[in-house]
Amino acid sequence: MTQGKRIAFRILFFLYVAAVLLLCFGRFDNAPSVAKTLLGIPTDKVVHFVMFFPFPILAFLAFDQFTDSIKSSLLFTGATFLVGILLALGTEWGQAHLTRYRSGDAWDLLADTIALTISSLIVLFRDIYKQKR
């Protein structure tokens, strides 16, 4: 990957993290109402899944030069997953303790964790496949 692409992906990654923080801590009183469920799943949980799914993918695109072996791929993916979990925990804790208009929710954290797990596995398998070629 060229240096220009790497810089662009890093900027995109940090803009994405800023957007997640805005979505988690923003006040959206005048937002239009949406359906309570989507395919039987609470819409709020679908939104959390969609918000956190890109984290490992964008992290990999921004910092993939650190994955030149299977061991480094495992370490990088594990570290990325843990940082994503810390971000999810931090947003839920912050909503519960730093705002009066939001609440922390363990089910939101579960949706975040499922998204991070699936996305991390996709990144890991893709990177290992790339190395074996």
N, C-alpha and C. Protein backbone atom coordinates (compact mmCIF):
# COMPACT_ATOMS: atom_id res chain seq x y z
N MET A 1 0.85 -1.17 0.00
CA MET A 1 0.00 0.00 0.00
C MET A 1 0.90 1.24 0.00
N THR A 2 0.51 2.23 -0.79
CA THR A 2 1.32 3.44 -0.88
C THR A 2 1.15 4.28 0.39
N GLN A 3 2.14 5.13 0.62
CA GLN A 3 2.11 6.01 1.79
C GLN A 3 0.90 6.93 1.76
N GLY A 4 0.52 7.41 0.59
CA GLY A 4 -0.65 8.29 0.46
C GLY A 4 -1.93 7.58 0.87
N LYS A 5 -2.09 6.33 0.42
CA LYS A 5 -3.28 5.56 0.81
C LYS A 5 -3.29 5.31 2.31
N ARG A 6 -2.13 4.98 2.85
CA ARG A 6 -2.05 4.70 4.28
C ARG A 6 -2.46 5.94 5.09
N ILE A 7 -1.99 7.10 4.69
CA ILE A 7 -2.35 8.35 5.38
C ILE A 7 -3.85 8.60 5.25
N ALA A 8 -4.40 8.39 4.06
CA ALA A 8 -5.84 8.59 3.84
C ALA A 8 -6.65 7.64 4.72
N PHE A 9 -6.24 6.37 4.82
CA PHE A 9 -6.96 5.42 5.66
C PHE A 9 -6.83 5.77 7.15
N ARG A 10 -5.68 6.31 7.55
CA ARG A 10 -5.53 6.73 8.94
C ARG A 10 -6.45 7.91 9.26
N ILE A 11 -6.53 8.85 8.35
CA ILE A 11 -7.45 9.98 8.55
C ILE A 11 -8.88 9.46 8.62
N LEU A 12 -9.24 8.56 7.70
CA LEU A 12 -10.58 7.98 7.69
C LEU A 12 -10.86 7.24 9.01
N PHE A 13 -9.88 6.50 9.51
CA PHE A 13 -10.04 5.76 10.77
C PHE A 13 -10.33 6.72 11.92
N PHE A 14 -9.57 7.80 12.03
CA PHE A 14 -9.78 8.73 13.13
C PHE A 14 -11.07 9.52 12.96
N LEU A 15 -11.48 9.81 11.73
CA LEU A 15 -12.78 10.44 11.50
C LEU A 15 -13.91 9.48 11.90
N TYR A 16 -13.74 8.21 11.61
CA TYR A 16 -14.71 7.20 11.99
C TYR A 16 -14.85 7.14 13.52
N VAL A 17 -13.73 7.12 14.24
CA VAL A 17 -13.79 7.08 15.71
C VAL A 17 -14.50 8.33 16.23
N ALA A 18 -14.21 9.48 15.65
CA ALA A 18 -14.88 10.72 16.05
C ALA A 18 -16.38 10.63 15.79
N ALA A 19 -16.76 10.03 14.67
CA ALA A 19 -18.19 9.87 14.35
C ALA A 19 -18.88 8.93 15.35
N VAL A 20 -18.20 7.85 15.73
CA VAL A 20 -18.76 6.94 16.73
C VAL A 20 -18.99 7.68 18.05
N LEU A 21 -18.00 8.48 18.46
CA LEU A 21 -18.15 9.24 19.70
C LEU A 21 -19.30 10.24 19.59
N LEU A 22 -19.42 10.88 18.45
CA LEU A 22 -20.52 11.83 18.24
C LEU A 22 -21.86 11.11 18.33
N LEU A 23 -21.97 9.96 17.67
CA LEU A 23 -23.21 9.20 17.71
C LEU A 23 -23.54 8.70 19.12
N CYS A 24 -22.52 8.34 19.87
CA CYS A 24 -22.75 7.81 21.21
C CYS A 24 -23.06 8.90 22.23
N PHE A 25 -22.51 10.10 22.03
CA PHE A 25 -22.68 11.15 23.03
C PHE A 25 -23.51 12.34 22.54
N GLY A 26 -23.85 12.34 21.25
CA GLY A 26 -24.66 13.44 20.73
C GLY A 26 -26.07 13.41 21.29
N ARG A 27 -26.66 14.57 21.25
CA ARG A 27 -28.05 14.68 21.71
C ARG A 27 -28.92 14.84 20.47
N PHE A 28 -29.79 13.89 20.24
CA PHE A 28 -30.59 13.87 19.03
C PHE A 28 -32.08 13.91 19.36
N ASP A 29 -32.47 14.92 20.12
CA ASP A 29 -33.88 15.04 20.54
C ASP A 29 -34.83 15.23 19.36
N ASN A 30 -34.40 15.92 18.34
CA ASN A 30 -35.28 16.24 17.21
C ASN A 30 -35.14 15.26 16.05
N ALA A 31 -34.45 14.16 16.27
CA ALA A 31 -34.27 13.17 15.21
C ALA A 31 -35.61 12.49 14.92
N PRO A 32 -35.84 12.13 13.68
CA PRO A 32 -37.10 11.45 13.36
C PRO A 32 -37.15 10.08 14.05
N SER A 33 -38.34 9.67 14.38
CA SER A 33 -38.49 8.36 15.03
C SER A 33 -38.34 7.26 13.99
N VAL A 34 -37.86 6.13 14.45
CA VAL A 34 -37.67 4.97 13.58
C VAL A 34 -38.39 3.78 14.19
N ALA A 35 -38.52 2.74 13.41
CA ALA A 35 -39.18 1.53 13.90
C ALA A 35 -38.43 1.01 15.13
N LYS A 36 -39.14 0.44 16.05
CA LYS A 36 -38.54 -0.08 17.29
C LYS A 36 -37.69 -1.32 17.03
N THR A 37 -38.06 -2.10 15.99
CA THR A 37 -37.30 -3.31 15.68
C THR A 37 -37.03 -3.39 14.18
N LEU A 38 -36.00 -4.14 13.86
CA LEU A 38 -35.66 -4.43 12.47
C LEU A 38 -35.45 -5.93 12.40
N LEU A 39 -36.35 -6.61 11.71
CA LEU A 39 -36.33 -8.07 11.64
C LEU A 39 -36.38 -8.71 13.02
N GLY A 40 -37.11 -8.08 13.92
CA GLY A 40 -37.27 -8.61 15.27
C GLY A 40 -36.16 -8.24 16.23
N ILE A 41 -35.14 -7.53 15.76
CA ILE A 41 -34.02 -7.10 16.60
C ILE A 41 -34.24 -5.63 16.92
N PRO A 42 -34.07 -5.23 18.17
CA PRO A 42 -34.23 -3.81 18.49
C PRO A 42 -33.32 -2.94 17.60
N THR A 43 -33.89 -1.91 17.01
CA THR A 43 -33.16 -1.05 16.08
C THR A 43 -31.90 -0.48 16.72
N ASP A 44 -32.00 -0.14 17.99
CA ASP A 44 -30.86 0.41 18.73
C ASP A 44 -29.67 -0.56 18.69
N LYS A 45 -29.93 -1.86 18.80
CA LYS A 45 -28.85 -2.86 18.79
C LYS A 45 -28.28 -3.02 17.38
N VAL A 46 -29.12 -2.92 16.37
CA VAL A 46 -28.65 -2.97 14.98
C VAL A 46 -27.72 -1.79 14.72
N VAL A 47 -28.09 -0.61 15.21
CA VAL A 47 -27.26 0.58 15.04
C VAL A 47 -25.91 0.38 15.71
N HIS A 48 -25.90 -0.18 16.92
CA HIS A 48 -24.63 -0.44 17.61
C HIS A 48 -23.77 -1.42 16.82
N PHE A 49 -24.38 -2.47 16.30
CA PHE A 49 -23.64 -3.44 15.49
C PHE A 49 -23.00 -2.74 14.29
N VAL A 50 -23.80 -1.96 13.57
CA VAL A 50 -23.32 -1.27 12.36
C VAL A 50 -22.24 -0.25 12.71
N MET A 51 -22.37 0.40 13.87
CA MET A 51 -21.37 1.39 14.27
C MET A 51 -20.00 0.77 14.53
N PHE A 52 -19.98 -0.38 15.17
CA PHE A 52 -18.70 -0.96 15.58
C PHE A 52 -18.12 -1.97 14.58
N PHE A 53 -18.90 -2.43 13.63
CA PHE A 53 -18.40 -3.39 12.65
C PHE A 53 -17.20 -2.87 11.86
N PRO A 54 -17.17 -1.61 11.43
CA PRO A 54 -16.03 -1.13 10.63
C PRO A 54 -14.72 -0.96 11.39
N PHE A 55 -14.76 -0.93 12.71
CA PHE A 55 -13.56 -0.62 13.49
C PHE A 55 -12.35 -1.48 13.12
N PRO A 56 -12.42 -2.81 13.19
CA PRO A 56 -11.24 -3.62 12.84
C PRO A 56 -10.82 -3.47 11.37
N ILE A 57 -11.78 -3.32 10.50
CA ILE A 57 -11.47 -3.19 9.06
C ILE A 57 -10.70 -1.90 8.81
N LEU A 58 -11.20 -0.80 9.35
CA LEU A 58 -10.51 0.49 9.14
C LEU A 58 -9.17 0.51 9.86
N ALA A 59 -9.08 -0.10 11.02
CA ALA A 59 -7.79 -0.18 11.72
C ALA A 59 -6.78 -0.96 10.89
N PHE A 60 -7.23 -2.06 10.32
CA PHE A 60 -6.33 -2.86 9.48
C PHE A 60 -5.87 -2.06 8.26
N LEU A 61 -6.81 -1.38 7.59
CA LEU A 61 -6.43 -0.60 6.42
C LEU A 61 -5.47 0.53 6.77
N ALA A 62 -5.62 1.08 7.97
CA ALA A 62 -4.76 2.19 8.40
C ALA A 62 -3.39 1.71 8.86
N PHE A 63 -3.31 0.50 9.43
CA PHE A 63 -2.07 0.06 10.07
C PHE A 63 -1.63 -1.33 9.64
N ASP A 64 -1.96 -1.77 8.43
CA ASP A 64 -1.68 -3.15 8.00
C ASP A 64 -0.21 -3.46 7.83
N GLN A 65 0.65 -2.48 7.83
CA GLN A 65 2.07 -2.77 7.64
C GLN A 65 2.66 -3.54 8.82
N PHE A 66 1.91 -3.68 9.90
CA PHE A 66 2.39 -4.41 11.07
C PHE A 66 2.04 -5.89 11.03
N THR A 67 1.46 -6.36 9.93
CA THR A 67 1.02 -7.76 9.87
C THR A 67 1.73 -8.50 8.75
N ASP A 68 3.00 -8.80 8.97
CA ASP A 68 3.77 -9.49 7.94
C ASP A 68 3.93 -10.99 8.21
N SER A 69 3.37 -11.47 9.31
CA SER A 69 3.40 -12.91 9.62
C SER A 69 2.08 -13.28 10.30
N ILE A 70 1.81 -14.56 10.37
CA ILE A 70 0.57 -15.01 11.01
C ILE A 70 0.57 -14.59 12.48
N LYS A 71 1.71 -14.71 13.14
CA LYS A 71 1.80 -14.31 14.56
C LYS A 71 1.49 -12.82 14.71
N SER A 72 2.05 -12.00 13.85
CA SER A 72 1.79 -10.56 13.96
C SER A 72 0.33 -10.24 13.61
N SER A 73 -0.25 -11.01 12.69
CA SER A 73 -1.68 -10.82 12.37
C SER A 73 -2.55 -11.14 13.57
N LEU A 74 -2.23 -12.23 14.25
CA LEU A 74 -2.98 -12.60 15.46
C LEU A 74 -2.85 -11.52 16.54
N LEU A 75 -1.63 -11.05 16.74
CA LEU A 75 -1.40 -10.01 17.75
C LEU A 75 -2.11 -8.71 17.38
N PHE A 76 -1.98 -8.31 16.12
CA PHE A 76 -2.60 -7.07 15.68
C PHE A 76 -4.13 -7.15 15.79
N THR A 77 -4.69 -8.26 15.32
CA THR A 77 -6.14 -8.43 15.38
C THR A 77 -6.63 -8.47 16.82
N GLY A 78 -5.90 -9.17 17.67
CA GLY A 78 -6.27 -9.22 19.09
C GLY A 78 -6.20 -7.84 19.74
N ALA A 79 -5.14 -7.11 19.45
CA ALA A 79 -5.01 -5.76 20.01
C ALA A 79 -6.10 -4.83 19.48
N THR A 80 -6.40 -4.94 18.20
CA THR A 80 -7.46 -4.13 17.61
C THR A 80 -8.79 -4.46 18.24
N PHE A 81 -9.07 -5.74 18.45
CA PHE A 81 -10.30 -6.15 19.09
C PHE A 81 -10.39 -5.57 20.50
N LEU A 82 -9.29 -5.66 21.26
CA LEU A 82 -9.30 -5.14 22.63
C LEU A 82 -9.50 -3.62 22.66
N VAL A 83 -8.87 -2.91 21.75
CA VAL A 83 -9.06 -1.46 21.69
C VAL A 83 -10.52 -1.14 21.33
N GLY A 84 -11.09 -1.92 20.42
CA GLY A 84 -12.50 -1.73 20.08
C GLY A 84 -13.41 -1.98 21.28
N ILE A 85 -13.11 -3.03 22.05
CA ILE A 85 -13.88 -3.33 23.26
C ILE A 85 -13.74 -2.18 24.25
N LEU A 86 -12.53 -1.66 24.41
CA LEU A 86 -12.33 -0.52 25.32
C LEU A 86 -13.11 0.70 24.87
N LEU A 87 -13.17 0.93 23.56
CA LEU A 87 -13.97 2.04 23.04
C LEU A 87 -15.45 1.81 23.34
N ALA A 88 -15.93 0.59 23.13
CA ALA A 88 -17.33 0.26 23.41
C ALA A 88 -17.63 0.40 24.91
N LEU A 89 -16.75 -0.13 25.75
CA LEU A 89 -16.93 0.01 27.20
C LEU A 89 -16.92 1.48 27.60
N GLY A 90 -15.98 2.23 27.04
CA GLY A 90 -15.88 3.65 27.38
C GLY A 90 -17.12 4.43 26.98
N THR A 91 -17.67 4.13 25.83
CA THR A 91 -18.87 4.86 25.41
C THR A 91 -20.06 4.50 26.29
N GLU A 92 -20.20 3.23 26.64
CA GLU A 92 -21.31 2.84 27.51
C GLU A 92 -21.14 3.42 28.91
N TRP A 93 -19.94 3.37 29.43
CA TRP A 93 -19.68 3.95 30.75
C TRP A 93 -19.93 5.46 30.71
N GLY A 94 -19.44 6.11 29.67
CA GLY A 94 -19.63 7.55 29.54
C GLY A 94 -21.09 7.93 29.42
N GLN A 95 -21.85 7.16 28.67
CA GLN A 95 -23.28 7.43 28.55
C GLN A 95 -23.97 7.30 29.91
N ALA A 96 -23.56 6.31 30.68
CA ALA A 96 -24.19 6.07 31.98
C ALA A 96 -23.77 7.09 33.03
N HIS A 97 -22.52 7.54 32.99
CA HIS A 97 -21.99 8.36 34.07
C HIS A 97 -21.71 9.82 33.72
N LEU A 98 -21.63 10.15 32.44
CA LEU A 98 -21.27 11.51 32.06
C LEU A 98 -22.40 12.29 31.41
N THR A 99 -23.51 11.62 31.12
CA THR A 99 -24.64 12.30 30.49
C THR A 99 -25.90 12.07 31.29
N ARG A 100 -26.85 12.97 31.10
CA ARG A 100 -28.16 12.78 31.72
C ARG A 100 -29.20 12.41 30.68
N TYR A 101 -28.81 12.47 29.43
CA TYR A 101 -29.75 12.20 28.34
C TYR A 101 -29.49 10.86 27.67
N ARG A 102 -28.52 10.11 28.14
CA ARG A 102 -28.21 8.77 27.63
C ARG A 102 -28.07 7.82 28.81
N SER A 103 -28.13 6.54 28.52
CA SER A 103 -27.91 5.54 29.56
C SER A 103 -27.02 4.44 29.00
N GLY A 104 -26.20 3.88 29.86
CA GLY A 104 -25.39 2.74 29.45
C GLY A 104 -26.25 1.49 29.41
N ASP A 105 -25.93 0.60 28.51
CA ASP A 105 -26.75 -0.60 28.33
C ASP A 105 -25.85 -1.79 28.01
N ALA A 106 -25.93 -2.82 28.83
CA ALA A 106 -25.12 -4.02 28.61
C ALA A 106 -25.46 -4.68 27.28
N TRP A 107 -26.71 -4.59 26.82
CA TRP A 107 -27.10 -5.18 25.55
C TRP A 107 -26.46 -4.42 24.38
N ASP A 108 -26.29 -3.10 24.53
CA ASP A 108 -25.56 -2.34 23.52
C ASP A 108 -24.12 -2.83 23.44
N LEU A 109 -23.52 -3.03 24.60
CA LEU A 109 -22.14 -3.54 24.64
C LEU A 109 -22.05 -4.92 23.99
N LEU A 110 -23.05 -5.75 24.19
CA LEU A 110 -23.06 -7.07 23.54
C LEU A 110 -23.13 -6.92 22.02
N ALA A 111 -23.97 -6.02 21.53
CA ALA A 111 -24.06 -5.80 20.08
C ALA A 111 -22.73 -5.29 19.53
N ASP A 112 -22.08 -4.39 20.27
CA ASP A 112 -20.76 -3.88 19.87
C ASP A 112 -19.75 -5.03 19.81
N THR A 113 -19.77 -5.88 20.83
CA THR A 113 -18.82 -6.99 20.92
C THR A 113 -19.03 -8.00 19.79
N ILE A 114 -20.26 -8.30 19.47
CA ILE A 114 -20.55 -9.22 18.37
C ILE A 114 -20.02 -8.64 17.06
N ALA A 115 -20.26 -7.35 16.83
CA ALA A 115 -19.77 -6.71 15.61
C ALA A 115 -18.25 -6.75 15.55
N LEU A 116 -17.59 -6.41 16.66
CA LEU A 116 -16.12 -6.42 16.70
C LEU A 116 -15.57 -7.83 16.49
N THR A 117 -16.23 -8.82 17.05
CA THR A 117 -15.77 -10.21 16.90
C THR A 117 -15.85 -10.66 15.44
N ILE A 118 -17.00 -10.47 14.83
CA ILE A 118 -17.17 -10.90 13.43
C ILE A 118 -16.20 -10.16 12.52
N SER A 119 -16.13 -8.86 12.68
CA SER A 119 -15.27 -8.05 11.82
C SER A 119 -13.79 -8.39 12.04
N SER A 120 -13.40 -8.62 13.28
CA SER A 120 -12.00 -8.99 13.58
C SER A 120 -11.64 -10.32 12.94
N LEU A 121 -12.56 -11.28 12.99
CA LEU A 121 -12.29 -12.58 12.36
C LEU A 121 -12.18 -12.45 10.85
N ILE A 122 -13.02 -11.62 10.25
CA ILE A 122 -12.92 -11.39 8.81
C ILE A 122 -11.56 -10.81 8.46
N VAL A 123 -11.13 -9.81 9.22
CA VAL A 123 -9.83 -9.18 8.98
C VAL A 123 -8.70 -10.19 9.16
N LEU A 124 -8.76 -10.97 10.23
CA LEU A 124 -7.71 -11.95 10.49
C LEU A 124 -7.61 -12.97 9.37
N PHE A 125 -8.73 -13.56 8.99
CA PHE A 125 -8.70 -14.58 7.93
C PHE A 125 -8.27 -13.98 6.60
N ARG A 126 -8.69 -12.77 6.31
CA ARG A 126 -8.29 -12.10 5.07
C ARG A 126 -6.79 -11.84 5.06
N ASP A 127 -6.25 -11.41 6.19
CA ASP A 127 -4.83 -11.12 6.25
C ASP A 127 -4.00 -12.39 6.15
N ILE A 128 -4.42 -13.45 6.81
CA ILE A 128 -3.69 -14.73 6.70
C ILE A 128 -3.76 -15.25 5.27
N TYR A 129 -4.91 -15.13 4.63
CA TYR A 129 -5.05 -15.53 3.24
C TYR A 129 -4.09 -14.74 2.35
N LYS A 130 -4.00 -13.43 2.59
CA LYS A 130 -3.10 -12.57 1.82
C LYS A 130 -1.64 -13.00 1.99
N GLN A 131 -1.27 -13.39 3.20
CA GLN A 131 0.11 -13.80 3.48
C GLN A 131 0.45 -15.13 2.80
N LYS A 132 -0.52 -16.02 2.70
CA LYS A 132 -0.26 -17.34 2.11
C LYS A 132 -0.18 -17.29 0.60
N ARG A 133 -0.66 -16.22 -0.01
CA ARG A 133 -0.61 -16.09 -1.47
C ARG A 133 0.73 -15.64 -1.94
